[in-house]
PDBML (XML) file of the C-alpha atoms, coordinates in Angstrom:
<?xml version="1.0" encoding="UTF-8" ?>
<PDBx:datablock datablockName="MODEL"
   xmlns:PDBx="http://pdbml.pdb.org/schema/pdbx-v50.xsd"
   xmlns:xsi="http://www.w3.org/2001/XMLSchema-instance"
   xsi:schemaLocation="http://pdbml.pdb.org/schema/pdbx-v50.xsd pdbx-v50.xsd">
   <PDBx:atom_siteCategory>
      <PDBx:atom_site id="1">
         <PDBx:B_iso_or_equiv>0.00</PDBx:B_iso_or_equiv>
         <PDBx:Cartn_x>-22.621</PDBx:Cartn_x>
         <PDBx:Cartn_y>-0.572</PDBx:Cartn_y>
         <PDBx:Cartn_z>-3.305</PDBx:Cartn_z>
         <PDBx:auth_asym_id>A</PDBx:auth_asym_id>
         <PDBx:auth_atom_id>CA</PDBx:auth_atom_id>
         <PDBx:auth_comp_id>PRO</PDBx:auth_comp_id>
         <PDBx:auth_seq_id>1</PDBx:auth_seq_id>
         <PDBx:group_PDB>ATOM</PDBx:group_PDB>
         <PDBx:label_alt_id xsi:nil="true" />
         <PDBx:label_asym_id>A</PDBx:label_asym_id>
         <PDBx:label_atom_id>CA</PDBx:label_atom_id>
         <PDBx:label_comp_id>PRO</PDBx:label_comp_id>
         <PDBx:label_entity_id>1</PDBx:label_entity_id>
         <PDBx:label_seq_id>1</PDBx:label_seq_id>
         <PDBx:occupancy>1.00</PDBx:occupancy>
         <PDBx:pdbx_PDB_model_num>1</PDBx:pdbx_PDB_model_num>
         <PDBx:type_symbol>C</PDBx:type_symbol>
      </PDBx:atom_site>
      <PDBx:atom_site id="2">
         <PDBx:B_iso_or_equiv>0.00</PDBx:B_iso_or_equiv>
         <PDBx:Cartn_x>-21.791</PDBx:Cartn_x>
         <PDBx:Cartn_y>-0.772</PDBx:Cartn_y>
         <PDBx:Cartn_z>0.369</PDBx:Cartn_z>
         <PDBx:auth_asym_id>A</PDBx:auth_asym_id>
         <PDBx:auth_atom_id>CA</PDBx:auth_atom_id>
         <PDBx:auth_comp_id>GLU</PDBx:auth_comp_id>
         <PDBx:auth_seq_id>2</PDBx:auth_seq_id>
         <PDBx:group_PDB>ATOM</PDBx:group_PDB>
         <PDBx:label_alt_id xsi:nil="true" />
         <PDBx:label_asym_id>A</PDBx:label_asym_id>
         <PDBx:label_atom_id>CA</PDBx:label_atom_id>
         <PDBx:label_comp_id>GLU</PDBx:label_comp_id>
         <PDBx:label_entity_id>1</PDBx:label_entity_id>
         <PDBx:label_seq_id>2</PDBx:label_seq_id>
         <PDBx:occupancy>1.00</PDBx:occupancy>
         <PDBx:pdbx_PDB_model_num>1</PDBx:pdbx_PDB_model_num>
         <PDBx:type_symbol>C</PDBx:type_symbol>
      </PDBx:atom_site>
      <PDBx:atom_site id="3">
         <PDBx:B_iso_or_equiv>0.00</PDBx:B_iso_or_equiv>
         <PDBx:Cartn_x>-18.143</PDBx:Cartn_x>
         <PDBx:Cartn_y>-1.206</PDBx:Cartn_y>
         <PDBx:Cartn_z>1.280</PDBx:Cartn_z>
         <PDBx:auth_asym_id>A</PDBx:auth_asym_id>
         <PDBx:auth_atom_id>CA</PDBx:auth_atom_id>
         <PDBx:auth_comp_id>ILE</PDBx:auth_comp_id>
         <PDBx:auth_seq_id>3</PDBx:auth_seq_id>
         <PDBx:group_PDB>ATOM</PDBx:group_PDB>
         <PDBx:label_alt_id xsi:nil="true" />
         <PDBx:label_asym_id>A</PDBx:label_asym_id>
         <PDBx:label_atom_id>CA</PDBx:label_atom_id>
         <PDBx:label_comp_id>ILE</PDBx:label_comp_id>
         <PDBx:label_entity_id>1</PDBx:label_entity_id>
         <PDBx:label_seq_id>3</PDBx:label_seq_id>
         <PDBx:occupancy>1.00</PDBx:occupancy>
         <PDBx:pdbx_PDB_model_num>1</PDBx:pdbx_PDB_model_num>
         <PDBx:type_symbol>C</PDBx:type_symbol>
      </PDBx:atom_site>
      <PDBx:atom_site id="4">
         <PDBx:B_iso_or_equiv>0.00</PDBx:B_iso_or_equiv>
         <PDBx:Cartn_x>-17.732</PDBx:Cartn_x>
         <PDBx:Cartn_y>-3.488</PDBx:Cartn_y>
         <PDBx:Cartn_z>4.305</PDBx:Cartn_z>
         <PDBx:auth_asym_id>A</PDBx:auth_asym_id>
         <PDBx:auth_atom_id>CA</PDBx:auth_atom_id>
         <PDBx:auth_comp_id>PRO</PDBx:auth_comp_id>
         <PDBx:auth_seq_id>4</PDBx:auth_seq_id>
         <PDBx:group_PDB>ATOM</PDBx:group_PDB>
         <PDBx:label_alt_id xsi:nil="true" />
         <PDBx:label_asym_id>A</PDBx:label_asym_id>
         <PDBx:label_atom_id>CA</PDBx:label_atom_id>
         <PDBx:label_comp_id>PRO</PDBx:label_comp_id>
         <PDBx:label_entity_id>1</PDBx:label_entity_id>
         <PDBx:label_seq_id>4</PDBx:label_seq_id>
         <PDBx:occupancy>1.00</PDBx:occupancy>
         <PDBx:pdbx_PDB_model_num>1</PDBx:pdbx_PDB_model_num>
         <PDBx:type_symbol>C</PDBx:type_symbol>
      </PDBx:atom_site>
      <PDBx:atom_site id="5">
         <PDBx:B_iso_or_equiv>0.00</PDBx:B_iso_or_equiv>
         <PDBx:Cartn_x>-16.009</PDBx:Cartn_x>
         <PDBx:Cartn_y>-2.359</PDBx:Cartn_y>
         <PDBx:Cartn_z>7.462</PDBx:Cartn_z>
         <PDBx:auth_asym_id>A</PDBx:auth_asym_id>
         <PDBx:auth_atom_id>CA</PDBx:auth_atom_id>
         <PDBx:auth_comp_id>GLU</PDBx:auth_comp_id>
         <PDBx:auth_seq_id>5</PDBx:auth_seq_id>
         <PDBx:group_PDB>ATOM</PDBx:group_PDB>
         <PDBx:label_alt_id xsi:nil="true" />
         <PDBx:label_asym_id>A</PDBx:label_asym_id>
         <PDBx:label_atom_id>CA</PDBx:label_atom_id>
         <PDBx:label_comp_id>GLU</PDBx:label_comp_id>
         <PDBx:label_entity_id>1</PDBx:label_entity_id>
         <PDBx:label_seq_id>5</PDBx:label_seq_id>
         <PDBx:occupancy>1.00</PDBx:occupancy>
         <PDBx:pdbx_PDB_model_num>1</PDBx:pdbx_PDB_model_num>
         <PDBx:type_symbol>C</PDBx:type_symbol>
      </PDBx:atom_site>
      <PDBx:atom_site id="6">
         <PDBx:B_iso_or_equiv>0.00</PDBx:B_iso_or_equiv>
         <PDBx:Cartn_x>-12.402</PDBx:Cartn_x>
         <PDBx:Cartn_y>-3.272</PDBx:Cartn_y>
         <PDBx:Cartn_z>8.022</PDBx:Cartn_z>
         <PDBx:auth_asym_id>A</PDBx:auth_asym_id>
         <PDBx:auth_atom_id>CA</PDBx:auth_atom_id>
         <PDBx:auth_comp_id>GLY</PDBx:auth_comp_id>
         <PDBx:auth_seq_id>6</PDBx:auth_seq_id>
         <PDBx:group_PDB>ATOM</PDBx:group_PDB>
         <PDBx:label_alt_id xsi:nil="true" />
         <PDBx:label_asym_id>A</PDBx:label_asym_id>
         <PDBx:label_atom_id>CA</PDBx:label_atom_id>
         <PDBx:label_comp_id>GLY</PDBx:label_comp_id>
         <PDBx:label_entity_id>1</PDBx:label_entity_id>
         <PDBx:label_seq_id>6</PDBx:label_seq_id>
         <PDBx:occupancy>1.00</PDBx:occupancy>
         <PDBx:pdbx_PDB_model_num>1</PDBx:pdbx_PDB_model_num>
         <PDBx:type_symbol>C</PDBx:type_symbol>
      </PDBx:atom_site>
      <PDBx:atom_site id="7">
         <PDBx:B_iso_or_equiv>0.00</PDBx:B_iso_or_equiv>
         <PDBx:Cartn_x>-9.032</PDBx:Cartn_x>
         <PDBx:Cartn_y>-2.192</PDBx:Cartn_y>
         <PDBx:Cartn_z>6.725</PDBx:Cartn_z>
         <PDBx:auth_asym_id>A</PDBx:auth_asym_id>
         <PDBx:auth_atom_id>CA</PDBx:auth_atom_id>
         <PDBx:auth_comp_id>SER</PDBx:auth_comp_id>
         <PDBx:auth_seq_id>7</PDBx:auth_seq_id>
         <PDBx:group_PDB>ATOM</PDBx:group_PDB>
         <PDBx:label_alt_id xsi:nil="true" />
         <PDBx:label_asym_id>A</PDBx:label_asym_id>
         <PDBx:label_atom_id>CA</PDBx:label_atom_id>
         <PDBx:label_comp_id>SER</PDBx:label_comp_id>
         <PDBx:label_entity_id>1</PDBx:label_entity_id>
         <PDBx:label_seq_id>7</PDBx:label_seq_id>
         <PDBx:occupancy>1.00</PDBx:occupancy>
         <PDBx:pdbx_PDB_model_num>1</PDBx:pdbx_PDB_model_num>
         <PDBx:type_symbol>C</PDBx:type_symbol>
      </PDBx:atom_site>
      <PDBx:atom_site id="8">
         <PDBx:B_iso_or_equiv>0.00</PDBx:B_iso_or_equiv>
         <PDBx:Cartn_x>-6.317</PDBx:Cartn_x>
         <PDBx:Cartn_y>-3.328</PDBx:Cartn_y>
         <PDBx:Cartn_z>4.370</PDBx:Cartn_z>
         <PDBx:auth_asym_id>A</PDBx:auth_asym_id>
         <PDBx:auth_atom_id>CA</PDBx:auth_atom_id>
         <PDBx:auth_comp_id>VAL</PDBx:auth_comp_id>
         <PDBx:auth_seq_id>8</PDBx:auth_seq_id>
         <PDBx:group_PDB>ATOM</PDBx:group_PDB>
         <PDBx:label_alt_id xsi:nil="true" />
         <PDBx:label_asym_id>A</PDBx:label_asym_id>
         <PDBx:label_atom_id>CA</PDBx:label_atom_id>
         <PDBx:label_comp_id>VAL</PDBx:label_comp_id>
         <PDBx:label_entity_id>1</PDBx:label_entity_id>
         <PDBx:label_seq_id>8</PDBx:label_seq_id>
         <PDBx:occupancy>1.00</PDBx:occupancy>
         <PDBx:pdbx_PDB_model_num>1</PDBx:pdbx_PDB_model_num>
         <PDBx:type_symbol>C</PDBx:type_symbol>
      </PDBx:atom_site>
      <PDBx:atom_site id="9">
         <PDBx:B_iso_or_equiv>0.00</PDBx:B_iso_or_equiv>
         <PDBx:Cartn_x>-2.532</PDBx:Cartn_x>
         <PDBx:Cartn_y>-3.081</PDBx:Cartn_y>
         <PDBx:Cartn_z>4.668</PDBx:Cartn_z>
         <PDBx:auth_asym_id>A</PDBx:auth_asym_id>
         <PDBx:auth_atom_id>CA</PDBx:auth_atom_id>
         <PDBx:auth_comp_id>ARG</PDBx:auth_comp_id>
         <PDBx:auth_seq_id>9</PDBx:auth_seq_id>
         <PDBx:group_PDB>ATOM</PDBx:group_PDB>
         <PDBx:label_alt_id xsi:nil="true" />
         <PDBx:label_asym_id>A</PDBx:label_asym_id>
         <PDBx:label_atom_id>CA</PDBx:label_atom_id>
         <PDBx:label_comp_id>ARG</PDBx:label_comp_id>
         <PDBx:label_entity_id>1</PDBx:label_entity_id>
         <PDBx:label_seq_id>9</PDBx:label_seq_id>
         <PDBx:occupancy>1.00</PDBx:occupancy>
         <PDBx:pdbx_PDB_model_num>1</PDBx:pdbx_PDB_model_num>
         <PDBx:type_symbol>C</PDBx:type_symbol>
      </PDBx:atom_site>
      <PDBx:atom_site id="10">
         <PDBx:B_iso_or_equiv>0.00</PDBx:B_iso_or_equiv>
         <PDBx:Cartn_x>-0.902</PDBx:Cartn_x>
         <PDBx:Cartn_y>-1.250</PDBx:Cartn_y>
         <PDBx:Cartn_z>1.759</PDBx:Cartn_z>
         <PDBx:auth_asym_id>A</PDBx:auth_asym_id>
         <PDBx:auth_atom_id>CA</PDBx:auth_atom_id>
         <PDBx:auth_comp_id>VAL</PDBx:auth_comp_id>
         <PDBx:auth_seq_id>10</PDBx:auth_seq_id>
         <PDBx:group_PDB>ATOM</PDBx:group_PDB>
         <PDBx:label_alt_id xsi:nil="true" />
         <PDBx:label_asym_id>A</PDBx:label_asym_id>
         <PDBx:label_atom_id>CA</PDBx:label_atom_id>
         <PDBx:label_comp_id>VAL</PDBx:label_comp_id>
         <PDBx:label_entity_id>1</PDBx:label_entity_id>
         <PDBx:label_seq_id>10</PDBx:label_seq_id>
         <PDBx:occupancy>1.00</PDBx:occupancy>
         <PDBx:pdbx_PDB_model_num>1</PDBx:pdbx_PDB_model_num>
         <PDBx:type_symbol>C</PDBx:type_symbol>
      </PDBx:atom_site>
      <PDBx:atom_site id="11">
         <PDBx:B_iso_or_equiv>0.00</PDBx:B_iso_or_equiv>
         <PDBx:Cartn_x>2.751</PDBx:Cartn_x>
         <PDBx:Cartn_y>-1.203</PDBx:Cartn_y>
         <PDBx:Cartn_z>0.768</PDBx:Cartn_z>
         <PDBx:auth_asym_id>A</PDBx:auth_asym_id>
         <PDBx:auth_atom_id>CA</PDBx:auth_atom_id>
         <PDBx:auth_comp_id>LYS</PDBx:auth_comp_id>
         <PDBx:auth_seq_id>11</PDBx:auth_seq_id>
         <PDBx:group_PDB>ATOM</PDBx:group_PDB>
         <PDBx:label_alt_id xsi:nil="true" />
         <PDBx:label_asym_id>A</PDBx:label_asym_id>
         <PDBx:label_atom_id>CA</PDBx:label_atom_id>
         <PDBx:label_comp_id>LYS</PDBx:label_comp_id>
         <PDBx:label_entity_id>1</PDBx:label_entity_id>
         <PDBx:label_seq_id>11</PDBx:label_seq_id>
         <PDBx:occupancy>1.00</PDBx:occupancy>
         <PDBx:pdbx_PDB_model_num>1</PDBx:pdbx_PDB_model_num>
         <PDBx:type_symbol>C</PDBx:type_symbol>
      </PDBx:atom_site>
      <PDBx:atom_site id="12">
         <PDBx:B_iso_or_equiv>0.00</PDBx:B_iso_or_equiv>
         <PDBx:Cartn_x>3.835</PDBx:Cartn_x>
         <PDBx:Cartn_y>1.540</PDBx:Cartn_y>
         <PDBx:Cartn_z>-1.669</PDBx:Cartn_z>
         <PDBx:auth_asym_id>A</PDBx:auth_asym_id>
         <PDBx:auth_atom_id>CA</PDBx:auth_atom_id>
         <PDBx:auth_comp_id>PHE</PDBx:auth_comp_id>
         <PDBx:auth_seq_id>12</PDBx:auth_seq_id>
         <PDBx:group_PDB>ATOM</PDBx:group_PDB>
         <PDBx:label_alt_id xsi:nil="true" />
         <PDBx:label_asym_id>A</PDBx:label_asym_id>
         <PDBx:label_atom_id>CA</PDBx:label_atom_id>
         <PDBx:label_comp_id>PHE</PDBx:label_comp_id>
         <PDBx:label_entity_id>1</PDBx:label_entity_id>
         <PDBx:label_seq_id>12</PDBx:label_seq_id>
         <PDBx:occupancy>1.00</PDBx:occupancy>
         <PDBx:pdbx_PDB_model_num>1</PDBx:pdbx_PDB_model_num>
         <PDBx:type_symbol>C</PDBx:type_symbol>
      </PDBx:atom_site>
      <PDBx:atom_site id="13">
         <PDBx:B_iso_or_equiv>0.00</PDBx:B_iso_or_equiv>
         <PDBx:Cartn_x>6.647</PDBx:Cartn_x>
         <PDBx:Cartn_y>0.652</PDBx:Cartn_y>
         <PDBx:Cartn_z>-4.099</PDBx:Cartn_z>
         <PDBx:auth_asym_id>A</PDBx:auth_asym_id>
         <PDBx:auth_atom_id>CA</PDBx:auth_atom_id>
         <PDBx:auth_comp_id>VAL</PDBx:auth_comp_id>
         <PDBx:auth_seq_id>13</PDBx:auth_seq_id>
         <PDBx:group_PDB>ATOM</PDBx:group_PDB>
         <PDBx:label_alt_id xsi:nil="true" />
         <PDBx:label_asym_id>A</PDBx:label_asym_id>
         <PDBx:label_atom_id>CA</PDBx:label_atom_id>
         <PDBx:label_comp_id>VAL</PDBx:label_comp_id>
         <PDBx:label_entity_id>1</PDBx:label_entity_id>
         <PDBx:label_seq_id>13</PDBx:label_seq_id>
         <PDBx:occupancy>1.00</PDBx:occupancy>
         <PDBx:pdbx_PDB_model_num>1</PDBx:pdbx_PDB_model_num>
         <PDBx:type_symbol>C</PDBx:type_symbol>
      </PDBx:atom_site>
      <PDBx:atom_site id="14">
         <PDBx:B_iso_or_equiv>0.00</PDBx:B_iso_or_equiv>
         <PDBx:Cartn_x>8.350</PDBx:Cartn_x>
         <PDBx:Cartn_y>2.969</PDBx:Cartn_y>
         <PDBx:Cartn_z>-6.607</PDBx:Cartn_z>
         <PDBx:auth_asym_id>A</PDBx:auth_asym_id>
         <PDBx:auth_atom_id>CA</PDBx:auth_atom_id>
         <PDBx:auth_comp_id>ASP</PDBx:auth_comp_id>
         <PDBx:auth_seq_id>14</PDBx:auth_seq_id>
         <PDBx:group_PDB>ATOM</PDBx:group_PDB>
         <PDBx:label_alt_id xsi:nil="true" />
         <PDBx:label_asym_id>A</PDBx:label_asym_id>
         <PDBx:label_atom_id>CA</PDBx:label_atom_id>
         <PDBx:label_comp_id>ASP</PDBx:label_comp_id>
         <PDBx:label_entity_id>1</PDBx:label_entity_id>
         <PDBx:label_seq_id>14</PDBx:label_seq_id>
         <PDBx:occupancy>1.00</PDBx:occupancy>
         <PDBx:pdbx_PDB_model_num>1</PDBx:pdbx_PDB_model_num>
         <PDBx:type_symbol>C</PDBx:type_symbol>
      </PDBx:atom_site>
      <PDBx:atom_site id="15">
         <PDBx:B_iso_or_equiv>0.00</PDBx:B_iso_or_equiv>
         <PDBx:Cartn_x>7.639</PDBx:Cartn_x>
         <PDBx:Cartn_y>1.480</PDBx:Cartn_y>
         <PDBx:Cartn_z>-10.023</PDBx:Cartn_z>
         <PDBx:auth_asym_id>A</PDBx:auth_asym_id>
         <PDBx:auth_atom_id>CA</PDBx:auth_atom_id>
         <PDBx:auth_comp_id>GLN</PDBx:auth_comp_id>
         <PDBx:auth_seq_id>15</PDBx:auth_seq_id>
         <PDBx:group_PDB>ATOM</PDBx:group_PDB>
         <PDBx:label_alt_id xsi:nil="true" />
         <PDBx:label_asym_id>A</PDBx:label_asym_id>
         <PDBx:label_atom_id>CA</PDBx:label_atom_id>
         <PDBx:label_comp_id>GLN</PDBx:label_comp_id>
         <PDBx:label_entity_id>1</PDBx:label_entity_id>
         <PDBx:label_seq_id>15</PDBx:label_seq_id>
         <PDBx:occupancy>1.00</PDBx:occupancy>
         <PDBx:pdbx_PDB_model_num>1</PDBx:pdbx_PDB_model_num>
         <PDBx:type_symbol>C</PDBx:type_symbol>
      </PDBx:atom_site>
      <PDBx:atom_site id="16">
         <PDBx:B_iso_or_equiv>0.00</PDBx:B_iso_or_equiv>
         <PDBx:Cartn_x>10.946</PDBx:Cartn_x>
         <PDBx:Cartn_y>2.629</PDBx:Cartn_y>
         <PDBx:Cartn_z>-11.528</PDBx:Cartn_z>
         <PDBx:auth_asym_id>A</PDBx:auth_asym_id>
         <PDBx:auth_atom_id>CA</PDBx:auth_atom_id>
         <PDBx:auth_comp_id>ALA</PDBx:auth_comp_id>
         <PDBx:auth_seq_id>16</PDBx:auth_seq_id>
         <PDBx:group_PDB>ATOM</PDBx:group_PDB>
         <PDBx:label_alt_id xsi:nil="true" />
         <PDBx:label_asym_id>A</PDBx:label_asym_id>
         <PDBx:label_atom_id>CA</PDBx:label_atom_id>
         <PDBx:label_comp_id>ALA</PDBx:label_comp_id>
         <PDBx:label_entity_id>1</PDBx:label_entity_id>
         <PDBx:label_seq_id>16</PDBx:label_seq_id>
         <PDBx:occupancy>1.00</PDBx:occupancy>
         <PDBx:pdbx_PDB_model_num>1</PDBx:pdbx_PDB_model_num>
         <PDBx:type_symbol>C</PDBx:type_symbol>
      </PDBx:atom_site>
      <PDBx:atom_site id="17">
         <PDBx:B_iso_or_equiv>0.00</PDBx:B_iso_or_equiv>
         <PDBx:Cartn_x>13.191</PDBx:Cartn_x>
         <PDBx:Cartn_y>1.093</PDBx:Cartn_y>
         <PDBx:Cartn_z>-8.832</PDBx:Cartn_z>
         <PDBx:auth_asym_id>A</PDBx:auth_asym_id>
         <PDBx:auth_atom_id>CA</PDBx:auth_atom_id>
         <PDBx:auth_comp_id>THR</PDBx:auth_comp_id>
         <PDBx:auth_seq_id>17</PDBx:auth_seq_id>
         <PDBx:group_PDB>ATOM</PDBx:group_PDB>
         <PDBx:label_alt_id xsi:nil="true" />
         <PDBx:label_asym_id>A</PDBx:label_asym_id>
         <PDBx:label_atom_id>CA</PDBx:label_atom_id>
         <PDBx:label_comp_id>THR</PDBx:label_comp_id>
         <PDBx:label_entity_id>1</PDBx:label_entity_id>
         <PDBx:label_seq_id>17</PDBx:label_seq_id>
         <PDBx:occupancy>1.00</PDBx:occupancy>
         <PDBx:pdbx_PDB_model_num>1</PDBx:pdbx_PDB_model_num>
         <PDBx:type_symbol>C</PDBx:type_symbol>
      </PDBx:atom_site>
      <PDBx:atom_site id="18">
         <PDBx:B_iso_or_equiv>0.00</PDBx:B_iso_or_equiv>
         <PDBx:Cartn_x>10.982</PDBx:Cartn_x>
         <PDBx:Cartn_y>-1.677</PDBx:Cartn_y>
         <PDBx:Cartn_z>-7.460</PDBx:Cartn_z>
         <PDBx:auth_asym_id>A</PDBx:auth_asym_id>
         <PDBx:auth_atom_id>CA</PDBx:auth_atom_id>
         <PDBx:auth_comp_id>GLY</PDBx:auth_comp_id>
         <PDBx:auth_seq_id>18</PDBx:auth_seq_id>
         <PDBx:group_PDB>ATOM</PDBx:group_PDB>
         <PDBx:label_alt_id xsi:nil="true" />
         <PDBx:label_asym_id>A</PDBx:label_asym_id>
         <PDBx:label_atom_id>CA</PDBx:label_atom_id>
         <PDBx:label_comp_id>GLY</PDBx:label_comp_id>
         <PDBx:label_entity_id>1</PDBx:label_entity_id>
         <PDBx:label_seq_id>18</PDBx:label_seq_id>
         <PDBx:occupancy>1.00</PDBx:occupancy>
         <PDBx:pdbx_PDB_model_num>1</PDBx:pdbx_PDB_model_num>
         <PDBx:type_symbol>C</PDBx:type_symbol>
      </PDBx:atom_site>
      <PDBx:atom_site id="19">
         <PDBx:B_iso_or_equiv>0.00</PDBx:B_iso_or_equiv>
         <PDBx:Cartn_x>11.781</PDBx:Cartn_x>
         <PDBx:Cartn_y>-0.536</PDBx:Cartn_y>
         <PDBx:Cartn_z>-3.902</PDBx:Cartn_z>
         <PDBx:auth_asym_id>A</PDBx:auth_asym_id>
         <PDBx:auth_atom_id>CA</PDBx:auth_atom_id>
         <PDBx:auth_comp_id>GLU</PDBx:auth_comp_id>
         <PDBx:auth_seq_id>19</PDBx:auth_seq_id>
         <PDBx:group_PDB>ATOM</PDBx:group_PDB>
         <PDBx:label_alt_id xsi:nil="true" />
         <PDBx:label_asym_id>A</PDBx:label_asym_id>
         <PDBx:label_atom_id>CA</PDBx:label_atom_id>
         <PDBx:label_comp_id>GLU</PDBx:label_comp_id>
         <PDBx:label_entity_id>1</PDBx:label_entity_id>
         <PDBx:label_seq_id>19</PDBx:label_seq_id>
         <PDBx:occupancy>1.00</PDBx:occupancy>
         <PDBx:pdbx_PDB_model_num>1</PDBx:pdbx_PDB_model_num>
         <PDBx:type_symbol>C</PDBx:type_symbol>
      </PDBx:atom_site>
      <PDBx:atom_site id="20">
         <PDBx:B_iso_or_equiv>0.00</PDBx:B_iso_or_equiv>
         <PDBx:Cartn_x>9.704</PDBx:Cartn_x>
         <PDBx:Cartn_y>1.069</PDBx:Cartn_y>
         <PDBx:Cartn_z>-1.166</PDBx:Cartn_z>
         <PDBx:auth_asym_id>A</PDBx:auth_asym_id>
         <PDBx:auth_atom_id>CA</PDBx:auth_atom_id>
         <PDBx:auth_comp_id>SER</PDBx:auth_comp_id>
         <PDBx:auth_seq_id>20</PDBx:auth_seq_id>
         <PDBx:group_PDB>ATOM</PDBx:group_PDB>
         <PDBx:label_alt_id xsi:nil="true" />
         <PDBx:label_asym_id>A</PDBx:label_asym_id>
         <PDBx:label_atom_id>CA</PDBx:label_atom_id>
         <PDBx:label_comp_id>SER</PDBx:label_comp_id>
         <PDBx:label_entity_id>1</PDBx:label_entity_id>
         <PDBx:label_seq_id>20</PDBx:label_seq_id>
         <PDBx:occupancy>1.00</PDBx:occupancy>
         <PDBx:pdbx_PDB_model_num>1</PDBx:pdbx_PDB_model_num>
         <PDBx:type_symbol>C</PDBx:type_symbol>
      </PDBx:atom_site>
      <PDBx:atom_site id="21">
         <PDBx:B_iso_or_equiv>0.00</PDBx:B_iso_or_equiv>
         <PDBx:Cartn_x>12.583</PDBx:Cartn_x>
         <PDBx:Cartn_y>2.996</PDBx:Cartn_y>
         <PDBx:Cartn_z>0.429</PDBx:Cartn_z>
         <PDBx:auth_asym_id>A</PDBx:auth_asym_id>
         <PDBx:auth_atom_id>CA</PDBx:auth_atom_id>
         <PDBx:auth_comp_id>GLY</PDBx:auth_comp_id>
         <PDBx:auth_seq_id>21</PDBx:auth_seq_id>
         <PDBx:group_PDB>ATOM</PDBx:group_PDB>
         <PDBx:label_alt_id xsi:nil="true" />
         <PDBx:label_asym_id>A</PDBx:label_asym_id>
         <PDBx:label_atom_id>CA</PDBx:label_atom_id>
         <PDBx:label_comp_id>GLY</PDBx:label_comp_id>
         <PDBx:label_entity_id>1</PDBx:label_entity_id>
         <PDBx:label_seq_id>21</PDBx:label_seq_id>
         <PDBx:occupancy>1.00</PDBx:occupancy>
         <PDBx:pdbx_PDB_model_num>1</PDBx:pdbx_PDB_model_num>
         <PDBx:type_symbol>C</PDBx:type_symbol>
      </PDBx:atom_site>
      <PDBx:atom_site id="22">
         <PDBx:B_iso_or_equiv>0.00</PDBx:B_iso_or_equiv>
         <PDBx:Cartn_x>11.663</PDBx:Cartn_x>
         <PDBx:Cartn_y>4.416</PDBx:Cartn_y>
         <PDBx:Cartn_z>3.835</PDBx:Cartn_z>
         <PDBx:auth_asym_id>A</PDBx:auth_asym_id>
         <PDBx:auth_atom_id>CA</PDBx:auth_atom_id>
         <PDBx:auth_comp_id>ASP</PDBx:auth_comp_id>
         <PDBx:auth_seq_id>22</PDBx:auth_seq_id>
         <PDBx:group_PDB>ATOM</PDBx:group_PDB>
         <PDBx:label_alt_id xsi:nil="true" />
         <PDBx:label_asym_id>A</PDBx:label_asym_id>
         <PDBx:label_atom_id>CA</PDBx:label_atom_id>
         <PDBx:label_comp_id>ASP</PDBx:label_comp_id>
         <PDBx:label_entity_id>1</PDBx:label_entity_id>
         <PDBx:label_seq_id>22</PDBx:label_seq_id>
         <PDBx:occupancy>1.00</PDBx:occupancy>
         <PDBx:pdbx_PDB_model_num>1</PDBx:pdbx_PDB_model_num>
         <PDBx:type_symbol>C</PDBx:type_symbol>
      </PDBx:atom_site>
      <PDBx:atom_site id="23">
         <PDBx:B_iso_or_equiv>0.00</PDBx:B_iso_or_equiv>
         <PDBx:Cartn_x>7.910</PDBx:Cartn_x>
         <PDBx:Cartn_y>4.237</PDBx:Cartn_y>
         <PDBx:Cartn_z>3.257</PDBx:Cartn_z>
         <PDBx:auth_asym_id>A</PDBx:auth_asym_id>
         <PDBx:auth_atom_id>CA</PDBx:auth_atom_id>
         <PDBx:auth_comp_id>LEU</PDBx:auth_comp_id>
         <PDBx:auth_seq_id>23</PDBx:auth_seq_id>
         <PDBx:group_PDB>ATOM</PDBx:group_PDB>
         <PDBx:label_alt_id xsi:nil="true" />
         <PDBx:label_asym_id>A</PDBx:label_asym_id>
         <PDBx:label_atom_id>CA</PDBx:label_atom_id>
         <PDBx:label_comp_id>LEU</PDBx:label_comp_id>
         <PDBx:label_entity_id>1</PDBx:label_entity_id>
         <PDBx:label_seq_id>23</PDBx:label_seq_id>
         <PDBx:occupancy>1.00</PDBx:occupancy>
         <PDBx:pdbx_PDB_model_num>1</PDBx:pdbx_PDB_model_num>
         <PDBx:type_symbol>C</PDBx:type_symbol>
      </PDBx:atom_site>
      <PDBx:atom_site id="24">
         <PDBx:B_iso_or_equiv>0.00</PDBx:B_iso_or_equiv>
         <PDBx:Cartn_x>6.134</PDBx:Cartn_x>
         <PDBx:Cartn_y>2.193</PDBx:Cartn_y>
         <PDBx:Cartn_z>5.949</PDBx:Cartn_z>
         <PDBx:auth_asym_id>A</PDBx:auth_asym_id>
         <PDBx:auth_atom_id>CA</PDBx:auth_atom_id>
         <PDBx:auth_comp_id>PRO</PDBx:auth_comp_id>
         <PDBx:auth_seq_id>24</PDBx:auth_seq_id>
         <PDBx:group_PDB>ATOM</PDBx:group_PDB>
         <PDBx:label_alt_id xsi:nil="true" />
         <PDBx:label_asym_id>A</PDBx:label_asym_id>
         <PDBx:label_atom_id>CA</PDBx:label_atom_id>
         <PDBx:label_comp_id>PRO</PDBx:label_comp_id>
         <PDBx:label_entity_id>1</PDBx:label_entity_id>
         <PDBx:label_seq_id>24</PDBx:label_seq_id>
         <PDBx:occupancy>1.00</PDBx:occupancy>
         <PDBx:pdbx_PDB_model_num>1</PDBx:pdbx_PDB_model_num>
         <PDBx:type_symbol>C</PDBx:type_symbol>
      </PDBx:atom_site>
      <PDBx:atom_site id="25">
         <PDBx:B_iso_or_equiv>0.00</PDBx:B_iso_or_equiv>
         <PDBx:Cartn_x>3.364</PDBx:Cartn_x>
         <PDBx:Cartn_y>-0.336</PDBx:Cartn_y>
         <PDBx:Cartn_z>5.395</PDBx:Cartn_z>
         <PDBx:auth_asym_id>A</PDBx:auth_asym_id>
         <PDBx:auth_atom_id>CA</PDBx:auth_atom_id>
         <PDBx:auth_comp_id>VAL</PDBx:auth_comp_id>
         <PDBx:auth_seq_id>25</PDBx:auth_seq_id>
         <PDBx:group_PDB>ATOM</PDBx:group_PDB>
         <PDBx:label_alt_id xsi:nil="true" />
         <PDBx:label_asym_id>A</PDBx:label_asym_id>
         <PDBx:label_atom_id>CA</PDBx:label_atom_id>
         <PDBx:label_comp_id>VAL</PDBx:label_comp_id>
         <PDBx:label_entity_id>1</PDBx:label_entity_id>
         <PDBx:label_seq_id>25</PDBx:label_seq_id>
         <PDBx:occupancy>1.00</PDBx:occupancy>
         <PDBx:pdbx_PDB_model_num>1</PDBx:pdbx_PDB_model_num>
         <PDBx:type_symbol>C</PDBx:type_symbol>
      </PDBx:atom_site>
   </PDBx:atom_siteCategory>
</PDBx:datablock>
């Protein structure tokens, strides 16, 4: 199946702490 063009913003969060720390979106 074709995936459309475009992008998505992703935020990474540590599951154990619930925080993203210094990781950018």
